[in-house]
Amino acid sequence: MPEPTVLHDPLVLRAIAHPVRNRILDELAAQGSMRAADIARELDIPANQASFHLRQLAKYGLVVEDPEAARDKRDRVWRVAHEGGLSISYDDFTDQPGGAAALDVYQRNAVAWAQYVVQQAHLGERGDDGMRSVGESTLRLTKDEARALNDELLDVVDRWSRRTRGGDGEGRRTYLYFSALQPHPGRGGPGGGTEPGE
């Protein structure tokens, strides 16, 4: 699996904070090279909106044209610029001009998206021919073991991504694999007290 590209530019962070642009990047990563019309159909947005967001993503080096996938010289086909995905080190943004504000926008949007994803996993529509799985496991790990586990899981997802990218098989649709590996957040979360017996 290629190494992820680490983002350092607050302007790029703001660009990917936009939910439609994030969704476009997700779809390109899942399906491979696509035209604006294909993205518009997949996301159920107007084609001119898809084209605008693709140009913005290209402006920040997040997508590039893929002439090998084009039918002719006028056909614009896009792919992700960073095959290994993107990585964000929050510490890199705190001391940069505009970095803290960009990080705040990104984090607020990321948290809202994560809440929506978990809500849909638990409460989303049933009977839509989609498979849903929600799991929760606890493990006793060192920090290095946690990193190794994360790398192994990412390798498995990457293998499946490469195996299915570009496939238009019957019944195939884009799935989102969402995971969070972190030290256990404890009992102070929603519905939980902080002391035994609360």
N, C-alpha and C. Protein backbone atom coordinates (compact mmCIF):
# COMPACT_ATOMS: atom_id res chain seq x y z
N MET A 1 0.84 -1.17 0.00
CA MET A 1 0.00 0.00 0.00
C MET A 1 0.89 1.24 0.00
N PRO A 2 0.63 2.22 -0.90
CA PRO A 2 1.45 3.43 -0.91
C PRO A 2 1.27 4.21 0.40
N GLU A 3 2.32 4.90 0.79
CA GLU A 3 2.26 5.72 2.00
C GLU A 3 1.30 6.89 1.79
N PRO A 4 0.54 7.27 2.81
CA PRO A 4 -0.34 8.44 2.67
C PRO A 4 0.48 9.72 2.55
N THR A 5 -0.07 10.68 1.85
CA THR A 5 0.54 12.00 1.72
C THR A 5 0.14 12.84 2.91
N VAL A 6 1.11 13.41 3.60
CA VAL A 6 0.83 14.22 4.78
C VAL A 6 0.52 15.64 4.33
N LEU A 7 -0.62 16.17 4.79
CA LEU A 7 -1.01 17.53 4.45
C LEU A 7 -0.40 18.51 5.44
N HIS A 8 0.11 19.63 4.91
CA HIS A 8 0.68 20.68 5.76
C HIS A 8 0.05 22.05 5.48
N ASP A 9 -0.65 22.20 4.36
CA ASP A 9 -1.15 23.49 3.92
C ASP A 9 -2.58 23.72 4.43
N PRO A 10 -2.79 24.79 5.22
CA PRO A 10 -4.14 25.08 5.72
C PRO A 10 -5.18 25.26 4.61
N LEU A 11 -4.77 25.79 3.46
CA LEU A 11 -5.72 25.98 2.36
C LEU A 11 -6.20 24.63 1.82
N VAL A 12 -5.30 23.66 1.76
CA VAL A 12 -5.69 22.32 1.31
C VAL A 12 -6.61 21.68 2.34
N LEU A 13 -6.32 21.90 3.61
CA LEU A 13 -7.17 21.35 4.67
C LEU A 13 -8.58 21.92 4.57
N ARG A 14 -8.69 23.22 4.30
CA ARG A 14 -10.01 23.83 4.10
C ARG A 14 -10.72 23.24 2.89
N ALA A 15 -9.94 22.97 1.85
CA ALA A 15 -10.54 22.42 0.61
C ALA A 15 -11.18 21.07 0.87
N ILE A 16 -10.53 20.22 1.66
CA ILE A 16 -11.10 18.89 1.90
C ILE A 16 -12.10 18.88 3.05
N ALA A 17 -12.23 20.01 3.76
CA ALA A 17 -13.23 20.08 4.81
C ALA A 17 -14.64 20.13 4.22
N HIS A 18 -14.74 20.53 2.95
CA HIS A 18 -16.05 20.62 2.30
C HIS A 18 -16.61 19.21 2.09
N PRO A 19 -17.84 18.94 2.55
CA PRO A 19 -18.36 17.57 2.49
C PRO A 19 -18.50 17.01 1.07
N VAL A 20 -18.86 17.84 0.10
CA VAL A 20 -19.01 17.33 -1.27
C VAL A 20 -17.63 16.96 -1.83
N ARG A 21 -16.63 17.77 -1.56
CA ARG A 21 -15.29 17.47 -2.07
C ARG A 21 -14.74 16.19 -1.41
N ASN A 22 -15.02 16.06 -0.14
CA ASN A 22 -14.61 14.84 0.55
C ASN A 22 -15.28 13.62 -0.07
N ARG A 23 -16.55 13.75 -0.39
CA ARG A 23 -17.30 12.64 -0.99
C ARG A 23 -16.76 12.31 -2.38
N ILE A 24 -16.38 13.34 -3.14
CA ILE A 24 -15.80 13.11 -4.46
C ILE A 24 -14.49 12.33 -4.33
N LEU A 25 -13.65 12.74 -3.38
CA LEU A 25 -12.39 12.02 -3.16
C LEU A 25 -12.66 10.57 -2.78
N ASP A 26 -13.66 10.35 -1.94
CA ASP A 26 -14.02 8.98 -1.54
C ASP A 26 -14.44 8.16 -2.76
N GLU A 27 -15.27 8.76 -3.62
CA GLU A 27 -15.78 8.02 -4.77
C GLU A 27 -14.66 7.71 -5.76
N LEU A 28 -13.77 8.66 -5.98
CA LEU A 28 -12.63 8.42 -6.87
C LEU A 28 -11.72 7.32 -6.31
N ALA A 29 -11.53 7.32 -4.99
CA ALA A 29 -10.71 6.29 -4.37
C ALA A 29 -11.36 4.92 -4.51
N ALA A 30 -12.68 4.87 -4.41
CA ALA A 30 -13.39 3.59 -4.49
C ALA A 30 -13.51 3.08 -5.92
N GLN A 31 -13.84 3.98 -6.85
CA GLN A 31 -14.16 3.54 -8.21
C GLN A 31 -13.01 3.68 -9.19
N GLY A 32 -12.04 4.51 -8.87
CA GLY A 32 -10.99 4.80 -9.83
C GLY A 32 -11.35 6.02 -10.64
N SER A 33 -10.78 6.16 -11.80
CA SER A 33 -10.98 7.34 -12.63
C SER A 33 -12.45 7.52 -13.02
N MET A 34 -12.90 8.79 -12.98
CA MET A 34 -14.31 9.10 -13.28
C MET A 34 -14.41 10.45 -13.98
N ARG A 35 -15.48 10.61 -14.72
CA ARG A 35 -15.83 11.89 -15.33
C ARG A 35 -16.74 12.66 -14.38
N ALA A 36 -16.83 13.96 -14.60
CA ALA A 36 -17.71 14.79 -13.76
C ALA A 36 -19.15 14.30 -13.82
N ALA A 37 -19.59 13.88 -15.00
CA ALA A 37 -20.97 13.39 -15.15
C ALA A 37 -21.20 12.13 -14.33
N ASP A 38 -20.18 11.25 -14.27
CA ASP A 38 -20.30 10.03 -13.46
C ASP A 38 -20.40 10.36 -11.98
N ILE A 39 -19.58 11.31 -11.55
CA ILE A 39 -19.60 11.73 -10.14
C ILE A 39 -20.93 12.38 -9.81
N ALA A 40 -21.42 13.24 -10.72
CA ALA A 40 -22.71 13.90 -10.50
C ALA A 40 -23.82 12.89 -10.32
N ARG A 41 -23.83 11.86 -11.16
CA ARG A 41 -24.86 10.81 -11.07
C ARG A 41 -24.73 10.04 -9.76
N GLU A 42 -23.50 9.71 -9.38
CA GLU A 42 -23.26 8.92 -8.17
C GLU A 42 -23.65 9.70 -6.91
N LEU A 43 -23.36 11.00 -6.89
CA LEU A 43 -23.63 11.82 -5.71
C LEU A 43 -24.99 12.51 -5.77
N ASP A 44 -25.68 12.37 -6.90
CA ASP A 44 -26.98 13.01 -7.11
C ASP A 44 -26.88 14.54 -6.95
N ILE A 45 -25.89 15.11 -7.67
CA ILE A 45 -25.71 16.55 -7.69
C ILE A 45 -25.64 16.99 -9.16
N PRO A 46 -25.88 18.29 -9.46
CA PRO A 46 -25.77 18.75 -10.84
C PRO A 46 -24.34 18.58 -11.37
N ALA A 47 -24.23 18.31 -12.66
CA ALA A 47 -22.92 18.09 -13.28
C ALA A 47 -22.02 19.30 -13.15
N ASN A 48 -22.59 20.52 -13.26
CA ASN A 48 -21.74 21.72 -13.13
C ASN A 48 -21.19 21.86 -11.72
N GLN A 49 -21.93 21.40 -10.73
CA GLN A 49 -21.43 21.42 -9.35
C GLN A 49 -20.28 20.42 -9.19
N ALA A 50 -20.43 19.24 -9.77
CA ALA A 50 -19.35 18.25 -9.72
C ALA A 50 -18.11 18.79 -10.41
N SER A 51 -18.27 19.43 -11.56
CA SER A 51 -17.13 20.01 -12.29
C SER A 51 -16.44 21.09 -11.48
N PHE A 52 -17.24 21.95 -10.83
CA PHE A 52 -16.66 23.01 -10.00
C PHE A 52 -15.80 22.42 -8.89
N HIS A 53 -16.33 21.44 -8.17
CA HIS A 53 -15.59 20.86 -7.05
C HIS A 53 -14.35 20.09 -7.54
N LEU A 54 -14.44 19.45 -8.69
CA LEU A 54 -13.26 18.79 -9.25
C LEU A 54 -12.17 19.80 -9.58
N ARG A 55 -12.56 20.95 -10.14
CA ARG A 55 -11.56 22.00 -10.43
C ARG A 55 -10.92 22.51 -9.15
N GLN A 56 -11.71 22.66 -8.09
CA GLN A 56 -11.16 23.11 -6.81
C GLN A 56 -10.18 22.07 -6.25
N LEU A 57 -10.56 20.81 -6.33
CA LEU A 57 -9.67 19.74 -5.85
C LEU A 57 -8.39 19.70 -6.68
N ALA A 58 -8.51 19.94 -8.00
CA ALA A 58 -7.32 19.97 -8.86
C ALA A 58 -6.43 21.16 -8.52
N LYS A 59 -7.05 22.29 -8.23
CA LYS A 59 -6.30 23.50 -7.87
C LYS A 59 -5.38 23.25 -6.68
N TYR A 60 -5.81 22.40 -5.75
CA TYR A 60 -5.01 22.11 -4.56
C TYR A 60 -4.22 20.80 -4.69
N GLY A 61 -4.16 20.25 -5.89
CA GLY A 61 -3.34 19.07 -6.13
C GLY A 61 -3.89 17.78 -5.57
N LEU A 62 -5.20 17.73 -5.34
CA LEU A 62 -5.80 16.54 -4.75
C LEU A 62 -6.34 15.57 -5.79
N VAL A 63 -6.68 16.08 -6.98
CA VAL A 63 -7.06 15.23 -8.10
C VAL A 63 -6.27 15.69 -9.33
N VAL A 64 -6.09 14.77 -10.26
CA VAL A 64 -5.40 15.09 -11.52
C VAL A 64 -6.18 14.44 -12.65
N GLU A 65 -6.00 14.99 -13.84
CA GLU A 65 -6.63 14.38 -15.00
C GLU A 65 -5.95 13.06 -15.32
N ASP A 66 -6.73 12.14 -15.88
CA ASP A 66 -6.23 10.82 -16.24
C ASP A 66 -6.44 10.62 -17.74
N PRO A 67 -5.52 11.15 -18.57
CA PRO A 67 -5.71 11.09 -20.02
C PRO A 67 -5.76 9.66 -20.57
N GLU A 68 -5.15 8.71 -19.89
CA GLU A 68 -5.18 7.32 -20.36
C GLU A 68 -6.58 6.72 -20.29
N ALA A 69 -7.41 7.24 -19.39
CA ALA A 69 -8.78 6.74 -19.26
C ALA A 69 -9.76 7.50 -20.14
N ALA A 70 -9.30 8.56 -20.80
CA ALA A 70 -10.17 9.40 -21.63
C ALA A 70 -10.42 8.75 -22.99
N ARG A 71 -11.60 9.03 -23.54
CA ARG A 71 -11.96 8.52 -24.87
C ARG A 71 -11.26 9.29 -25.98
N ASP A 72 -11.08 10.60 -25.75
CA ASP A 72 -10.38 11.46 -26.72
C ASP A 72 -9.81 12.65 -25.96
N LYS A 73 -9.20 13.61 -26.69
CA LYS A 73 -8.52 14.73 -26.03
C LYS A 73 -9.48 15.68 -25.32
N ARG A 74 -10.75 15.69 -25.71
CA ARG A 74 -11.72 16.58 -25.06
C ARG A 74 -12.35 15.95 -23.83
N ASP A 75 -12.21 14.66 -23.69
CA ASP A 75 -12.81 13.92 -22.58
C ASP A 75 -11.98 14.12 -21.31
N ARG A 76 -12.59 14.71 -20.28
CA ARG A 76 -11.86 14.94 -19.03
C ARG A 76 -12.24 13.87 -18.01
N VAL A 77 -11.24 13.08 -17.65
CA VAL A 77 -11.41 12.02 -16.66
C VAL A 77 -10.46 12.32 -15.51
N TRP A 78 -10.94 12.13 -14.29
CA TRP A 78 -10.17 12.51 -13.11
C TRP A 78 -9.85 11.30 -12.26
N ARG A 79 -8.74 11.39 -11.53
CA ARG A 79 -8.37 10.37 -10.54
C ARG A 79 -7.75 11.07 -9.34
N VAL A 80 -7.66 10.36 -8.22
CA VAL A 80 -7.02 10.93 -7.03
C VAL A 80 -5.53 11.11 -7.32
N ALA A 81 -4.97 12.16 -6.78
CA ALA A 81 -3.54 12.43 -7.00
C ALA A 81 -2.66 11.62 -6.05
N HIS A 82 -3.21 11.22 -4.91
CA HIS A 82 -2.42 10.56 -3.88
C HIS A 82 -3.01 9.17 -3.64
N GLU A 83 -2.43 8.17 -4.28
CA GLU A 83 -2.95 6.80 -4.20
C GLU A 83 -2.99 6.26 -2.77
N GLY A 84 -2.08 6.70 -1.93
CA GLY A 84 -2.04 6.22 -0.55
C GLY A 84 -2.99 6.96 0.38
N GLY A 85 -3.76 7.88 -0.16
CA GLY A 85 -4.67 8.66 0.67
C GLY A 85 -3.96 9.85 1.30
N LEU A 86 -4.65 10.48 2.22
CA LEU A 86 -4.14 11.68 2.87
C LEU A 86 -4.03 11.45 4.38
N SER A 87 -3.05 12.07 4.98
CA SER A 87 -2.85 12.00 6.42
C SER A 87 -2.74 13.42 6.95
N ILE A 88 -3.35 13.65 8.10
CA ILE A 88 -3.35 14.99 8.69
C ILE A 88 -2.76 14.90 10.08
N SER A 89 -1.69 15.64 10.29
CA SER A 89 -1.10 15.75 11.63
C SER A 89 -1.57 17.09 12.20
N TYR A 90 -2.46 17.02 13.17
CA TYR A 90 -3.05 18.25 13.71
C TYR A 90 -1.99 19.22 14.22
N ASP A 91 -0.91 18.70 14.77
CA ASP A 91 0.13 19.58 15.32
C ASP A 91 0.77 20.45 14.26
N ASP A 92 0.77 19.99 13.00
CA ASP A 92 1.40 20.76 11.92
C ASP A 92 0.68 22.06 11.62
N PHE A 93 -0.56 22.20 12.06
CA PHE A 93 -1.36 23.36 11.67
C PHE A 93 -1.46 24.44 12.75
N THR A 94 -1.14 24.10 13.97
CA THR A 94 -1.41 25.02 15.07
C THR A 94 -0.57 26.30 15.01
N ASP A 95 0.65 26.23 14.47
CA ASP A 95 1.52 27.41 14.46
C ASP A 95 1.55 28.13 13.12
N GLN A 96 0.82 27.65 12.13
CA GLN A 96 0.82 28.29 10.82
C GLN A 96 -0.23 29.39 10.75
N PRO A 97 0.03 30.44 9.98
CA PRO A 97 -1.01 31.46 9.77
C PRO A 97 -2.25 30.83 9.14
N GLY A 98 -3.38 31.00 9.77
CA GLY A 98 -4.62 30.43 9.28
C GLY A 98 -4.78 28.95 9.58
N GLY A 99 -3.76 28.35 10.17
CA GLY A 99 -3.79 26.91 10.42
C GLY A 99 -4.80 26.50 11.47
N ALA A 100 -4.86 27.24 12.56
CA ALA A 100 -5.80 26.89 13.64
C ALA A 100 -7.24 27.01 13.17
N ALA A 101 -7.54 28.05 12.40
CA ALA A 101 -8.90 28.23 11.88
C ALA A 101 -9.26 27.12 10.89
N ALA A 102 -8.31 26.77 10.00
CA ALA A 102 -8.56 25.70 9.03
C ALA A 102 -8.77 24.37 9.75
N LEU A 103 -7.96 24.14 10.77
CA LEU A 103 -8.09 22.90 11.55
C LEU A 103 -9.43 22.84 12.25
N ASP A 104 -9.88 23.97 12.79
CA ASP A 104 -11.17 24.02 13.47
C ASP A 104 -12.32 23.67 12.51
N VAL A 105 -12.29 24.25 11.31
CA VAL A 105 -13.33 23.95 10.31
C VAL A 105 -13.30 22.47 9.94
N TYR A 106 -12.09 21.97 9.68
CA TYR A 106 -11.95 20.57 9.30
C TYR A 106 -12.47 19.64 10.42
N GLN A 107 -12.06 19.90 11.66
CA GLN A 107 -12.44 19.03 12.77
C GLN A 107 -13.95 19.07 13.01
N ARG A 108 -14.55 20.25 12.95
CA ARG A 108 -16.00 20.33 13.15
C ARG A 108 -16.75 19.53 12.09
N ASN A 109 -16.32 19.66 10.84
CA ASN A 109 -16.97 18.91 9.76
C ASN A 109 -16.70 17.41 9.90
N ALA A 110 -15.48 17.04 10.30
CA ALA A 110 -15.15 15.62 10.46
C ALA A 110 -15.97 14.99 11.59
N VAL A 111 -16.15 15.71 12.69
CA VAL A 111 -16.94 15.19 13.80
C VAL A 111 -18.41 15.05 13.40
N ALA A 112 -18.94 16.06 12.71
CA ALA A 112 -20.34 15.99 12.26
C ALA A 112 -20.54 14.81 11.32
N TRP A 113 -19.57 14.59 10.41
CA TRP A 113 -19.66 13.46 9.48
C TRP A 113 -19.59 12.14 10.24
N ALA A 114 -18.68 12.02 11.20
CA ALA A 114 -18.54 10.78 11.97
C ALA A 114 -19.83 10.47 12.74
N GLN A 115 -20.44 11.50 13.31
CA GLN A 115 -21.71 11.29 14.02
C GLN A 115 -22.79 10.80 13.07
N TYR A 116 -22.84 11.39 11.88
CA TYR A 116 -23.83 10.98 10.89
C TYR A 116 -23.59 9.52 10.45
N VAL A 117 -22.33 9.17 10.22
CA VAL A 117 -22.00 7.81 9.78
C VAL A 117 -22.43 6.79 10.84
N VAL A 118 -22.11 7.05 12.10
CA VAL A 118 -22.48 6.12 13.18
C VAL A 118 -24.00 6.04 13.31
N GLN A 119 -24.68 7.18 13.20
CA GLN A 119 -26.14 7.19 13.28
C GLN A 119 -26.75 6.34 12.15
N GLN A 120 -26.23 6.49 10.93
CA GLN A 120 -26.74 5.71 9.81
C GLN A 120 -26.44 4.22 9.97
N ALA A 121 -25.28 3.91 10.54
CA ALA A 121 -24.93 2.51 10.76
C ALA A 121 -25.91 1.85 11.72
N HIS A 122 -26.32 2.59 12.74
CA HIS A 122 -27.23 2.03 13.74
C HIS A 122 -28.70 2.18 13.37
N LEU A 123 -29.07 3.31 12.74
CA LEU A 123 -30.48 3.62 12.54
C LEU A 123 -30.89 3.79 11.09
N GLY A 124 -29.94 3.63 10.16
CA GLY A 124 -30.23 3.89 8.75
C GLY A 124 -31.32 2.98 8.19
N GLU A 125 -31.79 3.34 6.99
CA GLU A 125 -32.86 2.59 6.34
C GLU A 125 -32.48 1.13 6.16
N ARG A 126 -33.42 0.28 6.44
CA ARG A 126 -33.24 -1.15 6.20
C ARG A 126 -33.98 -1.52 4.91
N GLY A 127 -33.64 -2.65 4.39
CA GLY A 127 -34.33 -3.12 3.20
C GLY A 127 -33.86 -2.42 1.93
N ASP A 128 -32.69 -1.78 1.96
CA ASP A 128 -32.18 -1.11 0.76
C ASP A 128 -31.15 -1.97 0.03
N ASP A 129 -31.13 -3.24 0.32
CA ASP A 129 -30.18 -4.19 -0.29
C ASP A 129 -28.73 -3.88 0.06
N GLY A 130 -28.51 -3.08 1.08
CA GLY A 130 -27.16 -2.80 1.52
C GLY A 130 -26.85 -3.60 2.77
N MET A 131 -25.61 -4.00 2.91
CA MET A 131 -25.18 -4.74 4.09
C MET A 131 -24.61 -3.75 5.09
N ARG A 132 -25.01 -3.89 6.35
CA ARG A 132 -24.48 -3.04 7.41
C ARG A 132 -23.89 -3.92 8.50
N SER A 133 -22.80 -3.47 9.06
CA SER A 133 -22.18 -4.19 10.17
C SER A 133 -21.61 -3.16 11.13
N VAL A 134 -21.98 -3.27 12.38
CA VAL A 134 -21.44 -2.40 13.40
C VAL A 134 -20.80 -3.29 14.46
N GLY A 135 -19.56 -3.04 14.75
CA GLY A 135 -18.87 -3.87 15.73
C GLY A 135 -18.09 -3.01 16.69
N GLU A 136 -17.85 -3.56 17.83
CA GLU A 136 -17.06 -2.86 18.84
C GLU A 136 -16.25 -3.91 19.58
N SER A 137 -14.95 -3.72 19.65
CA SER A 137 -14.07 -4.68 20.32
C SER A 137 -13.12 -3.93 21.23
N THR A 138 -12.75 -4.55 22.32
CA THR A 138 -11.74 -3.96 23.20
C THR A 138 -10.54 -4.89 23.25
N LEU A 139 -9.35 -4.29 23.24
CA LEU A 139 -8.11 -5.06 23.24
C LEU A 139 -7.13 -4.38 24.19
N ARG A 140 -6.24 -5.16 24.77
CA ARG A 140 -5.16 -4.61 25.60
C ARG A 140 -3.92 -4.55 24.73
N LEU A 141 -3.47 -3.35 24.38
CA LEU A 141 -2.36 -3.18 23.45
C LEU A 141 -1.38 -2.13 23.94
N THR A 142 -0.14 -2.27 23.53
CA THR A 142 0.80 -1.17 23.69
C THR A 142 0.56 -0.21 22.52
N LYS A 143 1.15 0.96 22.58
CA LYS A 143 1.00 1.91 21.49
C LYS A 143 1.54 1.34 20.19
N ASP A 144 2.67 0.64 20.25
CA ASP A 144 3.25 0.03 19.05
C ASP A 144 2.36 -1.09 18.51
N GLU A 145 1.77 -1.89 19.40
CA GLU A 145 0.85 -2.94 18.96
C GLU A 145 -0.39 -2.33 18.31
N ALA A 146 -0.89 -1.25 18.88
CA ALA A 146 -2.06 -0.57 18.29
C ALA A 146 -1.73 -0.08 16.89
N ARG A 147 -0.54 0.48 16.72
CA ARG A 147 -0.11 0.95 15.40
C ARG A 147 -0.01 -0.22 14.41
N ALA A 148 0.52 -1.35 14.86
CA ALA A 148 0.65 -2.53 14.00
C ALA A 148 -0.72 -3.08 13.61
N LEU A 149 -1.64 -3.12 14.56
CA LEU A 149 -3.00 -3.57 14.26
C LEU A 149 -3.65 -2.65 13.23
N ASN A 150 -3.51 -1.37 13.43
CA ASN A 150 -4.07 -0.40 12.49
C ASN A 150 -3.51 -0.61 11.09
N ASP A 151 -2.19 -0.81 11.00
CA ASP A 151 -1.56 -1.04 9.69
C ASP A 151 -2.09 -2.30 9.02
N GLU A 152 -2.28 -3.37 9.80
CA GLU A 152 -2.81 -4.62 9.24
C GLU A 152 -4.23 -4.42 8.71
N LEU A 153 -5.06 -3.72 9.48
CA LEU A 153 -6.43 -3.48 9.04
C LEU A 153 -6.46 -2.63 7.77
N LEU A 154 -5.61 -1.61 7.72
CA LEU A 154 -5.54 -0.77 6.52
C LEU A 154 -5.08 -1.57 5.31
N ASP A 155 -4.16 -2.52 5.51
CA ASP A 155 -3.71 -3.37 4.41
C ASP A 155 -4.85 -4.22 3.85
N VAL A 156 -5.68 -4.77 4.75
CA VAL A 156 -6.81 -5.58 4.30
C VAL A 156 -7.78 -4.72 3.48
N VAL A 157 -8.11 -3.54 3.98
CA VAL A 157 -9.03 -2.65 3.27
C VAL A 157 -8.43 -2.23 1.93
N ASP A 158 -7.12 -1.96 1.92
CA ASP A 158 -6.46 -1.57 0.67
C ASP A 158 -6.52 -2.70 -0.37
N ARG A 159 -6.32 -3.93 0.06
CA ARG A 159 -6.40 -5.07 -0.88
C ARG A 159 -7.78 -5.16 -1.51
N TRP A 160 -8.82 -5.01 -0.68
CA TRP A 160 -10.19 -5.05 -1.20
C TRP A 160 -10.46 -3.86 -2.11
N SER A 161 -9.94 -2.72 -1.76
CA SER A 161 -10.13 -1.53 -2.59
C SER A 161 -9.53 -1.74 -3.98
N ARG A 162 -8.32 -2.25 -4.03
CA ARG A 162 -7.66 -2.48 -5.32
C ARG A 162 -8.38 -3.58 -6.12
N ARG A 163 -8.86 -4.59 -5.42
CA ARG A 163 -9.53 -5.71 -6.09
C ARG A 163 -10.84 -5.26 -6.75
N THR A 164 -11.54 -4.32 -6.15
CA THR A 164 -12.87 -3.95 -6.63
C THR A 164 -12.91 -2.61 -7.35
N ARG A 165 -11.83 -1.86 -7.37
CA ARG A 165 -11.83 -0.54 -8.01
C ARG A 165 -12.10 -0.68 -9.50
N GLY A 166 -13.01 0.16 -9.99
CA GLY A 166 -13.33 0.17 -11.40
C GLY A 166 -14.31 -0.91 -11.81
N GLY A 167 -14.71 -1.76 -10.90
CA GLY A 167 -15.64 -2.83 -11.24
C GLY A 167 -17.08 -2.34 -11.24
N ASP A 168 -17.81 -2.69 -12.28
CA ASP A 168 -19.21 -2.30 -12.38
C ASP A 168 -20.12 -3.51 -12.28
N GLY A 169 -19.73 -4.48 -11.48
CA GLY A 169 -20.50 -5.72 -11.38
C GLY A 169 -21.91 -5.49 -10.89
N GLU A 170 -22.76 -6.44 -11.18
CA GLU A 170 -24.15 -6.39 -10.76
C GLU A 170 -24.25 -6.23 -9.25
N GLY A 171 -25.01 -5.26 -8.81
CA GLY A 171 -25.23 -5.05 -7.39
C GLY A 171 -24.09 -4.35 -6.66
N ARG A 172 -23.05 -3.96 -7.37
CA ARG A 172 -21.92 -3.30 -6.72
C ARG A 172 -22.26 -1.85 -6.45
N ARG A 173 -21.94 -1.38 -5.26
CA ARG A 173 -22.14 0.02 -4.88
C ARG A 173 -20.98 0.43 -3.99
N THR A 174 -20.86 1.71 -3.74
CA THR A 174 -19.78 2.20 -2.89
C THR A 174 -20.14 1.99 -1.43
N TYR A 175 -19.26 1.32 -0.71
CA TYR A 175 -19.42 1.13 0.73
C TYR A 175 -18.42 2.01 1.47
N LEU A 176 -18.77 2.42 2.66
CA LEU A 176 -17.88 3.19 3.51
C LEU A 176 -17.45 2.30 4.66
N TYR A 177 -16.15 2.11 4.80
CA TYR A 177 -15.61 1.41 5.96
C TYR A 177 -15.09 2.47 6.91
N PHE A 178 -15.73 2.60 8.06
CA PHE A 178 -15.39 3.63 9.03
C PHE A 178 -14.87 2.94 10.27
N SER A 179 -13.69 3.35 10.75
CA SER A 179 -13.14 2.73 11.95
C SER A 179 -12.49 3.79 12.83
N ALA A 180 -12.43 3.49 14.09
CA ALA A 180 -11.74 4.38 15.02
C ALA A 180 -11.01 3.50 16.03
N LEU A 181 -9.70 3.55 16.00
CA LEU A 181 -8.89 2.83 16.99
C LEU A 181 -8.29 3.88 17.90
N GLN A 182 -8.60 3.80 19.18
CA GLN A 182 -8.16 4.82 20.12
C GLN A 182 -8.13 4.25 21.53
N PRO A 183 -7.41 4.89 22.43
CA PRO A 183 -7.53 4.48 23.83
C PRO A 183 -9.01 4.58 24.24
N HIS A 184 -9.47 3.63 25.02
CA HIS A 184 -10.88 3.62 25.40
C HIS A 184 -11.27 4.97 26.01
N PRO A 185 -12.37 5.57 25.51
CA PRO A 185 -12.73 6.91 25.99
C PRO A 185 -13.27 6.95 27.42
N GLY A 186 -13.46 5.79 28.03
CA GLY A 186 -13.89 5.78 29.43
C GLY A 186 -15.40 5.84 29.56
N ARG A 187 -15.82 6.17 30.77
CA ARG A 187 -17.25 6.12 31.08
C ARG A 187 -17.92 7.47 31.02
N GLY A 188 -17.19 8.51 30.70
CA GLY A 188 -17.77 9.86 30.72
C GLY A 188 -18.53 10.23 29.47
N GLY A 189 -18.70 9.28 28.54
CA GLY A 189 -19.41 9.57 27.30
C GLY A 189 -20.91 9.66 27.48
N PRO A 190 -21.64 9.80 26.39
CA PRO A 190 -23.10 9.92 26.47
C PRO A 190 -23.71 8.75 27.21
N GLY A 191 -24.55 9.06 28.19
CA GLY A 191 -25.26 8.02 28.93
C GLY A 191 -24.42 7.34 29.99
N GLY A 192 -23.19 7.79 30.19
CA GLY A 192 -22.33 7.14 31.17
C GLY A 192 -21.84 8.12 32.22
N GLY A 193 -21.82 7.72 33.45
CA GLY A 193 -21.27 8.56 34.50
C GLY A 193 -19.76 8.43 34.55
N THR A 194 -19.17 9.14 35.47
CA THR A 194 -17.72 9.07 35.61
C THR A 194 -17.31 8.25 36.81
N GLU A 195 -18.23 7.95 37.67
CA GLU A 195 -17.93 7.16 38.86
C GLU A 195 -18.79 5.92 38.90
N PRO A 196 -18.26 4.83 39.48
CA PRO A 196 -19.08 3.63 39.62
C PRO A 196 -20.38 3.96 40.37
N GLY A 197 -21.46 3.40 39.88
CA GLY A 197 -22.74 3.58 40.55
C GLY A 197 -23.50 4.82 40.08
N GLU A 198 -22.88 5.66 39.25
CA GLU A 198 -23.61 6.84 38.78
C GLU A 198 -24.61 6.46 37.71
